[in-house]
């Protein structure tokens, strides 16, 4: 099994356990990189994250922990034993002569004039770091802005550079294993040449990438997982984060299609994006060809343009 354990601002991969391993085996493995004994470990699994109350001798499978699971680790506090209470000591009362202090006069305070500044709409609810978010159980559904660098789709699924390259390799393997669907004519160039090109970090395959079979698209996001989906819009990603200021490394980007709470939150984020005009009006947006430097207006001109 491949498991990912989130510990504060770091994550650790576990690959030496299987479905029949015990919860205690998992906790002992976690102890190797946290130093926290099993008795003081709290583990959360699933979405929204829930505390795993399985016994130490239950198997990972019976506890609902599957391959590819993301586990959130929290260290529990030890029970503090009450300290020994010493009997109070009684001292004879002492009488001090009364002191008379002159009345204290505070100088008047003058408040600076206030100015009425326009407030942001309550509908926006933007935090200080300008992340569009909606609170859900145990965390937030947030909009992560992806850099427009032709790897935005891959980073919307996986944040690390190594994983982005792995996703490109899945596309290459898919093309090599299905020459009928992904022919030279379909790709617009020899298949080997296309595979070498798509492996480069600045290459984007457009619709060809989206035309991967459903099971392969799911595999891009999470191995051996079915009935799951990820959300992606333009160059941005919808993700679940335990905290607003959490590192994107801890984002969850795969969600169940039956999760009504998440879907409601996503629709609210879409409404906030409309209010903030965070969208591209494709009818009259302007772009420039990187090859010939010609300026184009709207998706219609872009679709029929050849340099």
Protein backbone atom coordinates (compact mmCIF):
# COMPACT_ATOMS: atom_id res chain seq x y z
CA UNK A 1 0.00 0.00 0.00
CA UNK A 2 1.00 3.60 -0.57
CA UNK A 3 -0.02 5.95 2.24
CA UNK A 4 0.74 9.63 2.85
CA UNK A 5 0.92 10.93 6.42
CA UNK A 6 0.63 14.66 7.05
CA UNK A 7 2.55 15.87 10.10
CA UNK A 8 2.19 19.62 10.74
CA UNK A 9 3.85 21.26 7.72
CA UNK A 10 5.47 18.10 6.33
CA UNK A 11 4.29 14.90 4.66
CA UNK A 12 5.75 11.39 4.74
CA UNK A 13 5.11 8.46 2.40
CA UNK A 14 4.66 4.94 3.78
CA UNK A 15 5.05 2.03 1.36
CA UNK A 16 6.02 -0.94 3.56
CA UNK A 17 2.52 -1.85 4.82
CA UNK A 18 -0.26 -3.89 3.19
CA UNK A 19 -4.01 -4.43 3.62
CA UNK A 20 -3.46 -6.97 6.42
CA UNK A 21 -1.16 -4.73 8.45
CA UNK A 22 -2.52 -3.63 11.82
CA UNK A 23 -3.30 -0.12 12.99
CA UNK A 24 -0.53 -0.61 15.54
CA UNK A 25 1.92 -1.34 12.70
CA UNK A 26 0.92 1.95 11.10
CA UNK A 27 1.36 3.86 14.36
CA UNK A 28 4.77 2.28 14.98
CA UNK A 29 5.85 3.35 11.49
CA UNK A 30 4.62 6.88 12.19
CA UNK A 31 6.59 6.81 15.45
CA UNK A 32 9.83 6.35 13.48
CA UNK A 33 9.58 9.84 11.97
CA UNK A 34 7.59 11.66 14.68
CA UNK A 35 8.97 10.14 17.87
CA UNK A 36 5.41 10.01 19.23
CA UNK A 37 4.37 6.66 20.81
CA UNK A 38 1.22 4.96 19.47
CA UNK A 39 -0.75 5.75 22.64
CA UNK A 40 -0.42 9.49 21.96
CA UNK A 41 -1.29 9.40 18.26
CA UNK A 42 -4.57 10.56 16.76
CA UNK A 43 -5.14 9.69 13.11
CA UNK A 44 -7.73 11.23 10.80
CA UNK A 45 -8.72 9.66 7.47
CA UNK A 46 -11.22 10.23 4.68
CA UNK A 47 -12.96 13.40 3.53
CA UNK A 48 -13.94 15.32 5.47
CA UNK A 49 -11.18 14.02 7.78
CA UNK A 50 -12.60 11.95 10.63
CA UNK A 51 -10.87 10.42 13.63
CA UNK A 52 -9.95 6.77 13.09
CA UNK A 53 -11.32 4.99 16.16
CA UNK A 54 -10.21 1.52 15.07
CA UNK A 55 -8.41 -0.62 17.64
CA UNK A 56 -4.67 -1.14 17.42
CA UNK A 57 -5.11 -4.78 16.37
CA UNK A 58 -7.61 -4.13 13.57
CA UNK A 59 -6.34 -4.35 10.00
CA UNK A 60 -5.98 -1.26 7.85
CA UNK A 61 -8.68 -2.57 5.50
CA UNK A 62 -11.22 -3.12 8.28
CA UNK A 63 -10.47 0.39 9.54
CA UNK A 64 -11.37 1.82 6.12
CA UNK A 65 -7.81 2.80 5.20
CA UNK A 66 -7.21 2.15 1.49
CA UNK A 67 -4.29 2.38 -0.87
CA UNK A 68 -3.49 6.03 -1.59
CA UNK A 69 -5.08 7.21 1.66
CA UNK A 70 -4.00 10.56 3.11
CA UNK A 71 -3.71 10.35 6.90
CA UNK A 72 -3.61 13.45 9.12
CA UNK A 73 -1.51 12.94 12.27
CA UNK A 74 -2.04 14.82 15.54
CA UNK A 75 -0.09 14.36 18.75
CA UNK A 76 -2.30 14.00 21.82
CA UNK A 77 -1.36 15.63 25.11
CA UNK A 78 -0.50 13.39 28.05
CA UNK A 79 -2.82 13.50 31.04
CA UNK A 80 -1.21 15.78 33.60
CA UNK A 81 -1.16 14.16 37.04
CA UNK A 82 -2.18 16.50 39.88
CA UNK A 83 0.78 17.65 41.91
CA UNK A 84 0.99 17.10 45.64
CA UNK A 85 -0.90 19.85 47.47
CA UNK A 86 0.85 21.23 50.53
CA UNK A 87 -1.35 22.42 53.41
CA UNK A 88 -1.66 26.20 53.51
CA UNK A 89 0.49 28.04 56.01
CA UNK A 90 -1.15 30.57 58.27
CA UNK A 91 0.76 33.75 59.00
CA UNK A 92 -0.33 36.21 61.65
CA UNK A 93 -2.07 39.24 60.16
CA UNK A 94 0.01 42.35 59.78
CA UNK A 95 -1.36 45.82 60.10
CA UNK A 96 0.10 48.47 57.83
CA UNK A 97 -0.67 52.16 58.31
CA UNK A 98 -3.06 53.43 55.65
CA UNK A 99 -1.55 55.32 52.76
CA UNK A 100 -3.32 58.19 51.15
CA UNK A 101 -2.63 58.69 47.44
CA UNK A 102 -3.61 61.92 45.73
CA UNK A 103 -6.32 61.47 43.09
CA UNK A 104 -4.89 60.65 39.66
CA UNK A 105 -6.04 62.92 36.86
CA UNK A 106 -5.77 61.47 33.37
CA UNK A 107 -5.29 63.93 30.52
CA UNK A 108 -8.16 63.98 28.04
CA UNK A 109 -7.74 61.73 25.02
CA UNK A 110 -8.45 63.07 21.57
CA UNK A 111 -9.48 60.51 18.98
CA UNK A 112 -8.36 61.20 15.41
CA UNK A 113 -11.14 61.85 12.94
CA UNK A 114 -12.53 58.73 11.34
CA UNK A 115 -13.04 58.27 7.65
CA UNK A 116 -15.67 56.05 6.14
CA UNK A 117 -13.82 53.50 4.04
CA UNK A 118 -15.79 51.23 1.73
CA UNK A 119 -16.11 47.73 3.10
CA UNK A 120 -15.77 44.59 1.08
CA UNK A 121 -19.00 42.80 0.43
CA UNK A 122 -19.81 40.15 3.03
CA UNK A 123 -20.34 37.77 0.14
CA UNK A 124 -16.65 37.88 -0.73
CA UNK A 125 -15.29 36.69 2.65
CA UNK A 126 -11.72 36.94 1.38
CA UNK A 127 -8.99 36.29 3.99
CA UNK A 128 -5.91 38.47 4.20
CA UNK A 129 -3.97 36.36 1.73
CA UNK A 130 -6.78 36.75 -0.83
CA UNK A 131 -7.55 33.02 -1.06
CA UNK A 132 -11.13 32.41 -2.13
CA UNK A 133 -12.46 29.87 0.35
CA UNK A 134 -15.58 28.30 1.85
CA UNK A 135 -15.47 26.65 5.30
CA UNK A 136 -16.51 22.98 5.48
CA UNK A 137 -16.18 20.29 8.12
CA UNK A 138 -12.66 20.30 9.61
CA UNK A 139 -11.23 22.61 6.96
CA UNK A 140 -11.81 24.76 3.90
CA UNK A 141 -12.57 24.31 0.22
CA UNK A 142 -10.26 26.78 -1.50
CA UNK A 143 -9.30 28.02 -4.95
CA UNK A 144 -5.59 27.59 -5.66
CA UNK A 145 -4.32 29.75 -8.51
CA UNK A 146 -1.98 27.75 -10.75
CA UNK A 147 0.81 29.47 -12.65
CA UNK A 148 0.20 29.60 -16.40
CA UNK A 149 3.23 27.49 -17.37
CA UNK A 150 1.69 24.60 -19.38
CA UNK A 151 1.86 22.29 -16.35
CA UNK A 152 -1.14 23.82 -14.59
CA UNK A 153 -3.44 20.83 -15.09
CA UNK A 154 -0.87 18.44 -13.68
CA UNK A 155 -0.13 20.66 -10.67
CA UNK A 156 -3.86 21.02 -10.06
CA UNK A 157 -3.80 17.29 -9.31
CA UNK A 158 -0.37 16.86 -7.73
CA UNK A 159 1.64 19.69 -6.19
CA UNK A 160 5.18 18.27 -6.26
CA UNK A 161 7.39 18.58 -9.34
CA UNK A 162 8.22 14.87 -9.26
CA UNK A 163 4.52 13.94 -9.37
CA UNK A 164 3.90 16.36 -12.25
CA UNK A 165 6.52 14.54 -14.30
CA UNK A 166 4.97 11.19 -13.33
CA UNK A 167 1.62 12.36 -14.71
CA UNK A 168 3.28 13.33 -17.98
CA UNK A 169 4.77 9.83 -18.10
CA UNK A 170 1.29 8.31 -17.71
CA UNK A 171 0.20 10.25 -20.81
CA UNK A 172 3.25 8.99 -22.71
CA UNK A 173 2.58 5.38 -21.67
CA UNK A 174 -1.08 5.70 -22.66
CA UNK A 175 -0.17 6.96 -26.14
CA UNK A 176 2.43 4.21 -26.64
CA UNK A 177 0.00 1.48 -25.54
CA UNK A 178 -2.85 2.63 -27.79
CA UNK A 179 -1.49 3.36 -31.30
CA UNK A 180 -4.96 2.99 -32.81
CA UNK A 181 -6.53 5.85 -30.87
CA UNK A 182 -3.40 8.00 -30.62
CA UNK A 183 -2.15 7.69 -34.19
CA UNK A 184 0.30 10.01 -35.94
CA UNK A 185 -2.62 11.67 -37.71
CA UNK A 186 -4.51 12.20 -34.46
CA UNK A 187 -1.47 13.65 -32.70
CA UNK A 188 -0.47 15.79 -35.66
CA UNK A 189 3.09 14.46 -35.63
CA UNK A 190 4.91 11.10 -35.30
CA UNK A 191 3.98 9.38 -32.04
CA UNK A 192 7.58 9.10 -30.79
CA UNK A 193 8.14 12.77 -31.52
CA UNK A 194 4.96 13.71 -29.67
CA UNK A 195 5.95 11.61 -26.64
CA UNK A 196 9.35 13.32 -26.48
CA UNK A 197 7.64 16.70 -26.75
CA UNK A 198 4.94 16.14 -24.10
CA UNK A 199 7.63 15.00 -21.64
CA UNK A 200 9.03 18.55 -21.58
CA UNK A 201 7.84 20.74 -18.70
CA UNK A 202 6.75 23.59 -21.00
CA UNK A 203 4.60 21.43 -23.31
CA UNK A 204 0.81 21.29 -23.07
CA UNK A 205 -1.18 18.74 -25.03
CA UNK A 206 -4.54 20.50 -24.83
CA UNK A 207 -7.58 18.40 -25.67
CA UNK A 208 -5.46 15.27 -26.19
CA UNK A 209 -4.69 15.14 -22.48
CA UNK A 210 -8.38 15.48 -21.60
CA UNK A 211 -9.28 12.64 -23.99
CA UNK A 212 -7.60 10.02 -21.81
CA UNK A 213 -9.94 7.19 -20.87
CA UNK A 214 -11.86 7.75 -17.59
CA UNK A 215 -9.91 5.11 -15.69
CA UNK A 216 -6.65 6.64 -16.86
CA UNK A 217 -7.81 10.12 -15.88
CA UNK A 218 -8.61 8.82 -12.41
CA UNK A 219 -5.23 7.10 -12.30
CA UNK A 220 -3.63 10.49 -12.90
CA UNK A 221 -5.06 11.64 -9.63
CA UNK A 222 -4.95 8.63 -7.34
CA UNK A 223 -3.84 5.08 -8.04
CA UNK A 224 -6.36 2.24 -7.79
CA UNK A 225 -9.27 4.58 -7.10
CA UNK A 226 -12.70 4.53 -8.73
CA UNK A 227 -15.71 6.83 -8.52
CA UNK A 228 -13.62 9.92 -7.83
CA UNK A 229 -13.08 13.21 -9.58
CA UNK A 230 -11.01 16.37 -9.41
CA UNK A 231 -12.06 19.90 -10.29
CA UNK A 232 -10.03 22.20 -12.49
CA UNK A 233 -10.92 25.56 -14.02
CA UNK A 234 -8.72 27.52 -16.43
CA UNK A 235 -5.32 27.59 -14.71
CA UNK A 236 -6.73 27.10 -11.21
CA UNK A 237 -7.50 24.16 -8.94
CA UNK A 238 -10.24 23.47 -6.42
CA UNK A 239 -8.80 21.80 -3.32
CA UNK A 240 -9.57 20.92 0.30
CA UNK A 241 -7.14 22.27 2.90
CA UNK A 242 -7.19 21.66 6.68
CA UNK A 243 -6.16 25.30 7.32
CA UNK A 244 -6.27 28.45 5.20
CA UNK A 245 -2.55 29.02 5.72
CA UNK A 246 -1.61 25.37 5.19
CA UNK A 247 0.99 24.60 2.56
CA UNK A 248 -0.48 23.52 -0.82
CA UNK A 249 1.45 20.29 -0.28
CA UNK A 250 -1.33 19.24 2.10
CA UNK A 251 -4.17 19.90 -0.35
CA UNK A 252 -6.66 17.17 -1.14
CA UNK A 253 -7.58 17.34 -4.82
CA UNK A 254 -9.72 14.19 -5.23
CA UNK A 255 -13.34 14.14 -4.11
CA UNK A 256 -16.33 11.82 -4.11
CA UNK A 257 -19.06 12.75 -6.62
CA UNK A 258 -21.67 11.96 -3.95
CA UNK A 259 -20.31 14.55 -1.50
CA UNK A 260 -23.10 17.14 -1.41
CA UNK A 261 -21.26 19.30 1.12
CA UNK A 262 -18.29 19.68 -1.18
CA UNK A 263 -20.40 20.35 -4.27
CA UNK A 264 -22.31 23.09 -2.43
CA UNK A 265 -19.02 24.68 -1.37
CA UNK A 266 -17.70 24.58 -4.95
CA UNK A 267 -20.81 26.34 -6.26
CA UNK A 268 -20.34 29.03 -3.63
CA UNK A 269 -16.72 29.50 -4.72
CA UNK A 270 -17.90 29.83 -8.33
CA UNK A 271 -20.33 32.54 -7.24
CA UNK A 272 -17.54 34.41 -5.44
CA UNK A 273 -15.37 34.19 -8.56
CA UNK A 274 -18.17 35.76 -10.61
CA UNK A 275 -18.58 38.56 -8.06
CA UNK A 276 -14.85 39.28 -8.19
CA UNK A 277 -14.78 39.01 -12.01
CA UNK A 278 -12.15 36.26 -11.79
CA UNK A 279 -12.93 34.78 -15.17
CA UNK A 280 -11.95 35.23 -18.80
CA UNK A 281 -14.54 36.50 -21.26
CA UNK A 282 -13.48 34.36 -24.21
CA UNK A 283 -15.46 36.27 -26.84
CA UNK A 284 -13.16 39.29 -26.92
CA UNK A 285 -10.06 38.46 -24.88
CA UNK A 286 -6.75 39.28 -26.60
CA UNK A 287 -3.79 36.93 -27.02
CA UNK A 288 -0.55 36.92 -29.00
CA UNK A 289 1.03 34.03 -30.92
CA UNK A 290 4.44 33.18 -29.46
CA UNK A 291 5.70 32.08 -32.89
CA UNK A 292 4.76 34.94 -35.24
CA UNK A 293 3.75 37.54 -32.59
CA UNK A 294 0.42 38.21 -34.30
CA UNK A 295 -2.31 39.58 -32.02
CA UNK A 296 -5.65 37.73 -31.92
CA UNK A 297 -9.03 38.60 -30.39
CA UNK A 298 -11.41 36.02 -28.97
CA UNK A 299 -11.47 32.24 -29.03
CA UNK A 300 -12.90 32.17 -32.58
CA UNK A 301 -9.81 33.82 -34.09
CA UNK A 302 -7.55 31.69 -31.90
CA UNK A 303 -9.25 28.45 -32.96
CA UNK A 304 -8.80 29.11 -36.69
CA UNK A 305 -5.33 30.63 -36.51
CA UNK A 306 -2.31 28.88 -38.01
CA UNK A 307 1.14 30.47 -37.89
